[in-house]
Protein backbone atom coordinates (compact mmCIF):
# COMPACT_ATOMS: atom_id res chain seq x y z
CA UNK A 1 96.76 76.30 112.78
CA UNK A 2 98.14 74.55 109.85
CA UNK A 3 100.80 76.14 107.46
CA UNK A 4 98.19 76.80 104.03
CA UNK A 5 101.23 75.51 101.66
CA UNK A 6 101.12 72.11 103.08
CA UNK A 7 97.15 71.57 102.64
CA UNK A 8 96.22 68.65 100.17
CA UNK A 9 95.30 70.25 96.63
CA UNK A 10 91.46 70.71 96.71
CA UNK A 11 90.85 71.90 100.23
CA UNK A 12 89.98 75.45 100.99
CA UNK A 13 91.49 77.31 103.72
CA UNK A 14 89.57 79.78 105.73
CA UNK A 15 91.06 81.75 108.35
CA UNK A 16 88.91 82.37 111.52
CA UNK A 17 87.22 85.20 111.68
CA UNK A 18 85.89 87.64 114.79
CA UNK A 19 82.82 89.38 114.97
CA UNK A 20 83.84 92.71 115.55
CA UNK A 21 80.58 95.13 114.45
CA UNK A 22 77.93 94.74 112.18
CA UNK A 23 75.74 97.29 110.33
CA UNK A 24 72.18 98.02 111.15
CA UNK A 25 69.49 95.91 109.49
CA UNK A 26 68.68 98.77 107.23
CA UNK A 27 72.26 99.34 106.11
CA UNK A 28 72.92 96.05 105.71
CA UNK A 29 69.88 95.26 103.42
CA UNK A 30 71.49 98.27 101.40
CA UNK A 31 75.13 97.35 101.45
CA UNK A 32 74.14 93.45 100.64
CA UNK A 33 76.18 92.64 103.71
CA UNK A 34 76.17 92.65 107.64
CA UNK A 35 79.90 92.71 107.94
CA UNK A 36 81.43 95.72 107.41
CA UNK A 37 84.51 93.74 106.60
CA UNK A 38 82.91 92.03 103.49
CA UNK A 39 81.61 95.32 102.15
CA UNK A 40 82.86 96.16 98.66
CA UNK A 41 81.26 99.07 96.84
CA UNK A 42 80.44 99.12 93.58
CA UNK A 43 83.15 99.42 90.79
CA UNK A 44 85.75 98.27 93.55
CA UNK A 45 85.49 94.56 92.85
CA UNK A 46 84.74 93.41 88.99
CA UNK A 47 83.89 96.57 87.83
CA UNK A 48 83.17 94.84 84.42
CA UNK A 49 80.32 93.04 85.47
CA UNK A 50 78.46 95.62 87.40
CA UNK A 51 75.63 96.01 84.85
CA UNK A 52 72.54 95.84 86.94
CA UNK A 53 72.60 99.13 88.69
CA UNK A 54 69.02 100.20 89.68
CA UNK A 55 69.88 103.42 90.94
CA UNK A 56 70.40 104.68 94.43
CA UNK A 57 73.10 104.53 96.72
CA UNK A 58 74.08 103.40 100.26
CA UNK A 59 75.17 106.09 102.64
């Protein structure tokens, strides 16, 4: 694996990920992602842009 500080400007560094677990199809639709590692509840990430709420919540 390369040191990210030595990569040329403009190249993205994406670390390898392992598939550990996934949500059920219903839960994935509710949460907007199949992968629990990527789930960020409303208000945790960029809360200022959460303006299109339609009600309801994930379990």
